[in-house]
Structures are given as structure tokens and as C-alpha cells.
N, C-alpha and C. Protein backbone atom coordinates (compact mmCIF):
# COMPACT_ATOMS: atom_id res chain seq x y z
N MET A 1 -10.16 64.44 -86.89
CA MET A 1 -10.47 64.02 -85.36
C MET A 1 -10.84 65.20 -84.60
N GLY A 2 -12.08 65.28 -84.21
CA GLY A 2 -12.38 66.86 -83.73
C GLY A 2 -11.53 66.46 -82.18
N ILE A 3 -11.38 68.17 -81.72
CA ILE A 3 -10.85 68.33 -80.11
C ILE A 3 -11.95 67.74 -79.30
N SER A 4 -11.22 67.20 -78.33
CA SER A 4 -12.04 66.92 -77.47
C SER A 4 -11.78 67.67 -76.42
N TYR A 5 -12.67 67.78 -75.27
CA TYR A 5 -12.13 68.77 -74.30
C TYR A 5 -13.76 68.72 -73.18
N SER A 6 -12.85 68.56 -72.20
CA SER A 6 -13.92 68.92 -70.74
C SER A 6 -14.40 69.96 -70.38
N GLU A 7 -15.84 70.34 -69.79
CA GLU A 7 -15.90 71.89 -68.83
C GLU A 7 -15.10 71.24 -67.56
N ARG A 8 -14.91 72.36 -67.02
CA ARG A 8 -14.98 72.45 -65.62
C ARG A 8 -15.80 72.14 -64.57
N ARG A 9 -15.99 71.19 -63.97
CA ARG A 9 -17.20 70.97 -63.11
C ARG A 9 -17.07 71.68 -61.96
N TYR A 10 -15.91 70.86 -61.29
CA TYR A 10 -15.25 71.54 -59.80
C TYR A 10 -14.35 72.73 -59.88
N ARG A 11 -14.43 73.89 -58.75
CA ARG A 11 -13.23 74.91 -58.59
C ARG A 11 -13.17 74.63 -56.82
N ILE A 12 -11.41 74.51 -56.64
CA ILE A 12 -11.39 74.53 -55.41
C ILE A 12 -10.62 76.12 -55.19
N ASP A 13 -11.65 76.48 -54.53
CA ASP A 13 -10.66 78.10 -53.86
C ASP A 13 -10.73 78.53 -52.66
N GLY A 14 -10.00 78.23 -52.01
CA GLY A 14 -9.76 78.39 -50.54
C GLY A 14 -8.49 78.45 -49.86
N LEU A 15 -8.43 78.59 -49.12
CA LEU A 15 -7.28 77.71 -48.01
C LEU A 15 -7.22 76.32 -47.47
N ILE A 16 -6.28 75.78 -47.17
CA ILE A 16 -5.97 74.67 -46.89
C ILE A 16 -5.05 74.71 -45.33
N ASP A 17 -6.49 74.59 -44.18
CA ASP A 17 -5.51 74.42 -43.06
C ASP A 17 -4.70 73.59 -42.66
N THR A 18 -3.00 73.92 -42.79
CA THR A 18 -2.46 72.80 -43.03
C THR A 18 -1.77 72.54 -41.28
N SER A 19 -2.76 72.93 -40.32
CA SER A 19 -2.81 72.20 -38.94
C SER A 19 -3.21 71.09 -38.69
N ASN A 20 -4.65 71.10 -39.95
CA ASN A 20 -5.24 69.38 -39.61
C ASN A 20 -4.25 68.83 -40.83
N THR A 21 -4.67 67.49 -40.23
CA THR A 21 -3.97 66.07 -41.06
C THR A 21 -3.90 66.14 -42.28
N VAL A 22 -3.14 65.42 -42.83
CA VAL A 22 -3.27 65.15 -44.61
C VAL A 22 -4.91 64.44 -45.23
N LEU A 23 -5.03 63.86 -44.22
CA LEU A 23 -5.95 62.72 -44.84
C LEU A 23 -7.56 63.80 -44.45
N ASP A 24 -7.82 64.81 -43.38
CA ASP A 24 -8.83 65.52 -43.22
C ASP A 24 -8.57 66.72 -44.17
N ASN A 25 -7.57 67.12 -45.10
CA ASN A 25 -7.35 68.43 -45.65
C ASN A 25 -7.73 67.71 -47.20
N LEU A 26 -7.44 66.58 -47.66
CA LEU A 26 -7.59 65.25 -48.73
C LEU A 26 -9.19 65.37 -48.33
N THR A 27 -10.01 64.91 -47.67
CA THR A 27 -11.44 65.08 -47.03
C THR A 27 -11.99 65.91 -47.78
N THR A 28 -11.38 67.03 -47.12
CA THR A 28 -12.41 68.80 -47.48
C THR A 28 -11.95 68.45 -48.96
N LEU A 29 -10.77 68.16 -49.68
CA LEU A 29 -10.93 68.82 -51.04
C LEU A 29 -11.83 67.91 -51.61
N CYS A 30 -11.96 66.66 -51.76
CA CYS A 30 -12.59 65.68 -52.15
C CYS A 30 -14.52 65.86 -52.02
N ASN A 31 -14.57 66.24 -51.07
CA ASN A 31 -15.81 66.94 -50.62
C ASN A 31 -16.34 67.70 -51.52
N ALA A 32 -15.52 69.21 -51.55
CA ALA A 32 -15.89 70.17 -52.46
C ALA A 32 -15.77 69.83 -53.89
N SER A 33 -15.22 68.12 -54.56
CA SER A 33 -15.55 67.96 -55.59
C SER A 33 -16.13 66.90 -56.25
N GLY A 34 -16.95 66.85 -55.07
CA GLY A 34 -18.04 65.39 -55.84
C GLY A 34 -17.24 64.40 -56.23
N CYS A 35 -15.98 63.59 -55.02
CA CYS A 35 -15.90 62.67 -55.17
C CYS A 35 -15.22 61.88 -53.82
N TRP A 36 -15.34 60.95 -54.19
CA TRP A 36 -14.63 59.69 -52.37
C TRP A 36 -13.10 59.68 -52.56
N LEU A 37 -12.65 59.53 -51.18
CA LEU A 37 -11.12 59.31 -51.04
C LEU A 37 -11.25 57.75 -50.55
N THR A 38 -10.53 56.92 -51.61
CA THR A 38 -10.19 55.60 -50.86
C THR A 38 -9.15 55.12 -51.05
N TYR A 39 -8.60 54.21 -50.21
CA TYR A 39 -7.46 53.87 -49.93
C TYR A 39 -7.17 52.13 -50.51
N ASP A 40 -6.51 52.45 -51.09
CA ASP A 40 -5.95 50.57 -52.12
C ASP A 40 -5.10 49.76 -51.18
N ILE A 41 -5.67 48.77 -50.37
CA ILE A 41 -4.47 48.31 -49.31
C ILE A 41 -3.21 47.49 -50.26
N HIS A 42 -3.88 46.83 -51.49
CA HIS A 42 -2.92 45.81 -52.33
C HIS A 42 -1.83 46.95 -52.94
N ALA A 43 -2.34 48.21 -53.45
CA ALA A 43 -0.99 48.84 -53.72
C ALA A 43 -0.47 50.02 -53.48
N GLY A 44 -0.83 49.98 -51.81
CA GLY A 44 -0.87 51.11 -51.20
C GLY A 44 -0.74 52.46 -50.59
N LYS A 45 -1.77 52.60 -51.64
CA LYS A 45 -1.98 54.19 -52.34
C LYS A 45 -3.22 54.40 -52.47
N TRP A 46 -3.39 56.24 -51.91
CA TRP A 46 -5.07 56.71 -51.81
C TRP A 46 -5.25 56.91 -53.63
N SER A 47 -6.52 56.90 -54.05
CA SER A 47 -6.96 56.89 -54.99
C SER A 47 -8.25 57.76 -54.80
N VAL A 48 -8.83 58.31 -55.96
CA VAL A 48 -9.95 59.17 -56.10
C VAL A 48 -11.32 57.94 -57.06
N ILE A 49 -12.47 58.42 -56.11
CA ILE A 49 -13.34 57.39 -56.94
C ILE A 49 -13.78 58.78 -57.16
N ILE A 50 -14.56 59.20 -58.87
CA ILE A 50 -15.03 60.19 -58.91
C ILE A 50 -16.23 59.98 -58.96
N ASN A 51 -17.94 60.86 -58.54
CA ASN A 51 -19.00 60.38 -58.23
C ASN A 51 -19.79 61.05 -59.66
N GLN A 52 -19.89 59.49 -60.27
CA GLN A 52 -20.70 59.48 -61.78
C GLN A 52 -21.24 58.10 -61.91
N SER A 53 -22.05 57.60 -62.88
CA SER A 53 -22.99 56.46 -63.43
C SER A 53 -21.88 56.21 -64.39
N ALA A 54 -21.71 54.98 -63.91
CA ALA A 54 -21.42 53.65 -64.27
C ALA A 54 -22.06 52.58 -64.93
N ASN A 55 -21.31 51.56 -65.19
CA ASN A 55 -22.13 49.95 -65.64
C ASN A 55 -21.58 49.18 -64.38
N PRO A 56 -22.86 48.60 -64.40
CA PRO A 56 -22.68 47.65 -63.28
C PRO A 56 -21.50 46.68 -63.67
N SER A 57 -21.13 45.97 -62.25
CA SER A 57 -20.42 45.39 -62.47
C SER A 57 -21.04 43.58 -61.98
N TRP A 58 -21.71 43.52 -61.37
CA TRP A 58 -22.55 42.51 -60.87
C TRP A 58 -23.75 42.67 -61.05
N HIS A 59 -24.65 41.41 -61.55
CA HIS A 59 -26.11 40.90 -61.90
C HIS A 59 -26.31 39.89 -60.93
N PHE A 60 -26.90 40.17 -60.04
CA PHE A 60 -27.34 38.97 -59.08
C PHE A 60 -28.66 38.52 -59.74
N ASN A 61 -28.45 37.07 -59.71
CA ASN A 61 -29.79 36.26 -60.16
C ASN A 61 -29.72 34.98 -58.86
N ASP A 62 -30.61 33.82 -58.76
CA ASP A 62 -30.94 32.96 -57.81
C ASP A 62 -29.52 32.47 -58.48
N SER A 63 -28.64 32.30 -59.43
CA SER A 63 -27.47 31.05 -59.68
C SER A 63 -26.17 31.46 -58.68
N ASN A 64 -26.45 33.09 -58.40
CA ASN A 64 -25.18 33.67 -57.58
C ASN A 64 -25.44 34.31 -56.29
N ILE A 65 -26.88 34.47 -55.28
CA ILE A 65 -26.92 34.37 -54.38
C ILE A 65 -27.19 33.63 -53.40
N ILE A 66 -26.00 33.51 -52.33
CA ILE A 66 -26.02 32.49 -51.50
C ILE A 66 -27.10 32.34 -50.44
N GLY A 67 -27.25 33.76 -49.31
CA GLY A 67 -28.10 33.28 -48.29
C GLY A 67 -29.37 34.28 -48.50
N ALA A 68 -30.09 34.87 -47.19
CA ALA A 68 -31.41 35.46 -47.54
C ALA A 68 -31.10 36.60 -47.67
N ILE A 69 -32.17 37.48 -48.36
CA ILE A 69 -32.06 38.84 -48.38
C ILE A 69 -32.89 39.39 -47.66
N ASN A 70 -32.31 40.65 -46.57
CA ASN A 70 -32.95 40.88 -45.66
C ASN A 70 -33.06 43.11 -46.32
N ILE A 71 -34.14 43.33 -46.67
CA ILE A 71 -34.46 44.45 -47.06
C ILE A 71 -34.79 45.78 -45.95
N SER A 72 -34.43 46.51 -45.69
CA SER A 72 -35.04 47.56 -44.28
C SER A 72 -34.84 48.82 -44.58
N GLY A 73 -35.53 49.59 -44.43
CA GLY A 73 -35.67 50.67 -45.05
C GLY A 73 -35.47 52.42 -43.99
N THR A 74 -35.07 53.05 -44.59
CA THR A 74 -34.79 54.39 -43.20
C THR A 74 -36.20 55.08 -42.77
N GLY A 75 -35.53 54.79 -41.48
CA GLY A 75 -36.50 55.74 -40.54
C GLY A 75 -37.27 56.81 -41.28
N LEU A 76 -38.39 57.26 -40.65
CA LEU A 76 -39.28 58.38 -41.11
C LEU A 76 -38.59 59.74 -40.50
N TYR A 77 -37.54 59.61 -39.32
CA TYR A 77 -37.34 60.62 -38.65
C TYR A 77 -35.39 60.91 -38.94
N ASN A 78 -35.44 59.45 -39.94
CA ASN A 78 -33.62 59.59 -40.48
C ASN A 78 -33.51 60.17 -42.10
N LEU A 79 -34.67 61.08 -42.51
CA LEU A 79 -34.32 61.24 -44.08
C LEU A 79 -34.03 62.64 -43.69
N TYR A 80 -33.18 63.28 -44.47
CA TYR A 80 -33.45 64.25 -44.78
C TYR A 80 -34.47 65.00 -46.15
N ASN A 81 -35.06 65.68 -45.97
CA ASN A 81 -35.85 66.49 -46.78
C ASN A 81 -35.28 67.84 -47.23
N SER A 82 -33.96 68.26 -47.00
CA SER A 82 -33.58 69.60 -47.22
C SER A 82 -32.23 69.50 -46.66
N VAL A 83 -31.52 70.73 -47.57
CA VAL A 83 -29.64 70.38 -47.04
C VAL A 83 -29.44 72.15 -47.54
N LYS A 84 -28.77 72.79 -46.24
CA LYS A 84 -28.58 74.10 -46.06
C LYS A 84 -26.86 74.07 -46.19
N VAL A 85 -26.47 74.42 -47.27
CA VAL A 85 -24.66 74.29 -48.27
C VAL A 85 -24.09 75.95 -47.65
N SER A 86 -23.22 75.94 -46.65
CA SER A 86 -22.72 76.97 -46.34
C SER A 86 -21.42 76.82 -47.38
N PHE A 87 -21.11 78.34 -47.34
CA PHE A 87 -19.50 78.73 -48.23
C PHE A 87 -19.14 80.17 -48.21
N PRO A 88 -17.82 80.50 -48.59
CA PRO A 88 -17.79 81.56 -48.57
C PRO A 88 -18.17 81.67 -49.97
N HIS A 89 -18.46 83.30 -49.98
CA HIS A 89 -19.00 83.82 -51.69
C HIS A 89 -18.32 84.28 -51.95
N GLU A 90 -17.73 84.30 -53.21
CA GLU A 90 -16.76 85.11 -53.92
C GLU A 90 -17.16 86.44 -54.06
N ASP A 91 -18.31 86.92 -54.47
CA ASP A 91 -18.55 88.01 -54.70
C ASP A 91 -18.93 89.06 -53.50
N LEU A 92 -18.85 88.29 -52.58
CA LEU A 92 -19.07 89.05 -51.18
C LEU A 92 -17.60 89.21 -50.62
N GLN A 93 -16.66 88.88 -50.95
CA GLN A 93 -15.50 89.03 -50.13
C GLN A 93 -15.42 88.01 -49.53
N ASN A 94 -15.98 86.78 -50.03
CA ASN A 94 -15.41 85.55 -49.37
C ASN A 94 -16.51 85.66 -47.89
N GLN A 95 -17.36 86.69 -47.55
CA GLN A 95 -17.76 86.15 -46.55
C GLN A 95 -18.75 85.03 -46.43
N LYS A 96 -19.51 84.64 -45.45
CA LYS A 96 -20.31 83.55 -45.32
C LYS A 96 -22.17 83.79 -45.83
N ASP A 97 -21.95 82.78 -46.53
CA ASP A 97 -23.43 83.09 -47.31
C ASP A 97 -24.16 81.50 -47.35
N PHE A 98 -24.88 80.93 -47.78
CA PHE A 98 -25.90 79.60 -47.80
C PHE A 98 -26.83 79.56 -49.26
N VAL A 99 -26.81 78.49 -49.28
CA VAL A 99 -28.01 77.88 -50.16
C VAL A 99 -28.57 76.80 -49.43
N GLN A 100 -29.87 76.63 -49.68
CA GLN A 100 -31.03 76.12 -49.20
C GLN A 100 -32.03 75.18 -50.23
N ILE A 101 -31.64 73.95 -50.59
CA ILE A 101 -32.19 73.27 -51.07
C ILE A 101 -33.72 72.41 -50.30
N GLU A 102 -34.91 72.34 -51.36
CA GLU A 102 -35.72 71.41 -50.18
C GLU A 102 -36.85 70.50 -50.98
N ILE A 103 -37.01 69.35 -50.46
CA ILE A 103 -37.98 68.49 -51.10
C ILE A 103 -39.15 68.91 -51.03
N PRO A 104 -40.12 69.36 -51.98
CA PRO A 104 -41.10 69.86 -51.68
C PRO A 104 -42.27 69.07 -51.26
N TYR A 105 -42.96 69.47 -50.56
CA TYR A 105 -43.86 69.14 -49.48
C TYR A 105 -44.83 67.66 -50.12
N ASP A 106 -45.33 68.04 -51.51
CA ASP A 106 -46.37 67.28 -51.70
C ASP A 106 -45.18 66.20 -52.11
N GLN A 107 -43.79 66.04 -52.16
CA GLN A 107 -43.06 64.64 -52.71
C GLN A 107 -42.53 63.36 -51.26
N ARG A 108 -43.27 64.45 -49.88
CA ARG A 108 -42.59 64.00 -48.79
C ARG A 108 -43.77 62.65 -48.70
N PHE A 109 -43.13 61.81 -47.63
CA PHE A 109 -44.60 60.84 -47.34
C PHE A 109 -45.28 61.73 -46.61
N PRO A 110 -46.18 60.95 -45.74
CA PRO A 110 -47.18 61.77 -44.86
C PRO A 110 -46.73 61.94 -43.62
N ASN A 111 -46.83 62.83 -42.99
CA ASN A 111 -46.30 63.85 -41.48
C ASN A 111 -44.78 63.40 -41.15
N GLU A 112 -44.37 63.43 -42.66
CA GLU A 112 -42.97 63.57 -42.55
C GLU A 112 -42.26 64.74 -42.00
N PRO A 113 -41.39 64.83 -40.79
CA PRO A 113 -40.52 66.07 -40.14
C PRO A 113 -39.92 66.41 -41.06
N ASP A 114 -40.27 67.87 -40.80
CA ASP A 114 -38.47 68.64 -41.40
C ASP A 114 -36.61 68.38 -40.47
N ASN A 115 -35.97 67.91 -41.45
CA ASN A 115 -34.87 67.17 -41.62
C ASN A 115 -33.99 67.86 -42.26
N VAL A 116 -32.91 69.39 -41.90
CA VAL A 116 -31.96 69.65 -43.04
C VAL A 116 -31.17 69.24 -42.48
N LEU A 117 -29.70 69.03 -43.77
CA LEU A 117 -28.45 68.34 -43.50
C LEU A 117 -27.68 69.62 -43.60
N GLU A 118 -26.53 70.09 -42.66
CA GLU A 118 -26.32 71.28 -43.03
C GLU A 118 -25.02 70.24 -42.98
N ILE A 119 -24.33 71.21 -44.74
CA ILE A 119 -22.72 71.15 -44.72
C ILE A 119 -22.21 72.41 -44.96
N ASP A 120 -21.09 72.24 -44.44
CA ASP A 120 -20.29 73.44 -44.61
C ASP A 120 -19.13 73.12 -45.72
N TYR A 121 -19.23 73.77 -46.66
CA TYR A 121 -17.59 73.93 -47.68
C TYR A 121 -16.43 75.22 -47.56
N LYS A 122 -15.56 75.00 -46.81
CA LYS A 122 -14.70 76.02 -46.80
C LYS A 122 -13.62 76.34 -47.89
N VAL A 123 -14.05 75.25 -49.08
CA VAL A 123 -12.92 75.58 -50.27
C VAL A 123 -13.90 75.99 -51.78
N VAL A 124 -15.06 76.25 -51.51
CA VAL A 124 -15.87 76.36 -52.21
C VAL A 124 -16.74 78.02 -52.14
N THR A 125 -15.91 78.57 -53.34
CA THR A 125 -16.72 80.00 -52.92
C THR A 125 -17.84 80.31 -54.18
N ASN A 126 -18.08 79.62 -55.19
CA ASN A 126 -19.13 79.88 -56.12
C ASN A 126 -20.21 79.13 -55.70
N PRO A 127 -21.70 79.74 -55.79
CA PRO A 127 -22.58 79.29 -55.06
C PRO A 127 -23.34 78.58 -55.78
N LEU A 128 -23.40 78.67 -57.05
CA LEU A 128 -23.80 77.98 -58.47
C LEU A 128 -22.94 75.93 -58.13
N GLN A 129 -21.90 75.61 -57.67
CA GLN A 129 -20.73 74.73 -57.24
C GLN A 129 -21.67 74.33 -56.43
N ALA A 130 -22.01 75.35 -54.98
CA ALA A 130 -22.42 74.70 -53.72
C ALA A 130 -23.99 74.04 -53.80
N GLN A 131 -24.39 74.99 -54.85
CA GLN A 131 -25.62 74.18 -55.28
C GLN A 131 -25.69 73.00 -55.61
N LEU A 132 -24.98 72.83 -56.72
CA LEU A 132 -24.94 71.15 -57.26
C LEU A 132 -24.42 70.74 -56.06
N LEU A 133 -23.22 70.54 -55.29
CA LEU A 133 -22.86 69.68 -54.34
C LEU A 133 -23.40 69.37 -53.15
N GLY A 134 -24.98 70.11 -53.02
CA GLY A 134 -26.18 70.10 -51.93
C GLY A 134 -27.51 69.39 -52.92
N PHE A 135 -27.47 69.35 -53.63
CA PHE A 135 -28.15 68.72 -54.76
C PHE A 135 -27.40 67.00 -54.73
N ILE A 136 -26.25 66.78 -54.91
CA ILE A 136 -25.68 65.88 -54.75
C ILE A 136 -26.09 64.67 -53.47
N GLU A 137 -25.70 65.80 -52.40
CA GLU A 137 -25.71 65.15 -51.29
C GLU A 137 -27.06 64.60 -50.90
């Protein structure tokens, strides 16, 4: 057998404000590590869902669709086409820095206005991790 290992994808580096609620602090940690926080009402426990591709659990066809299907799109003014991620940069003595990611203009809808999603990660200090999280969002 070979040695199995996985590379660290995320690193939490920063201070957690203990004056915030536990739920707020857990949400901060989850956002900085590319996962979601969920609560299982049957087990009475919080758990984490890792943001990764998975096999579908349902396949829909005429035999299991009961009602009508309505499809609607997001309005042109509600689409984000760039993201600005702020974070304390580890090489700049934790001074605020940012990375900005934009969808190229030739890949946007005609007459689509600029709409920037602004995110602030307080516990991410690495610019590559901040950029990766920005791409995911």
C-alpha cells in the first residue's frame, strides 16, 4: 500500500472575536474554509458540509415529478460579475489587502452593468487562498 495524504487546501490564521456569538464565529471559520455549516434536527448536532463535487442522489424524470416545473432566471442587475476579497495580508504585517476577480467583458451579457460582490475574510491571510475563495463565490 502507498501512503495516502491530502494537501492542505485552507488555513485559518487570525483572531476569533469571543464577543461574537458562537454561531457567528463558526460561520466565519466555515466561510474562510470553503464549507457550509448545517444543523441536523434529528441528531441535534451541528456539522460541516465540504464544498466539493459529489454524485447526484436523485435523478428526475416523468415518473417522479409530481407538479409543474417553473424556471426563472436571475435579473440582469442581480448578477455578480466581479468579486473583491479583502483580507489581512500575512506579508504586509496583517495590513488590509484585497484581490479582485472579474468576468471578462466578452463573457458577459449585452449591456450587463458592473456588479461587484465584496467579501471580507478576517481569518484568511494568504492571497492565494483569498483568491481561491473569491473564485468559488
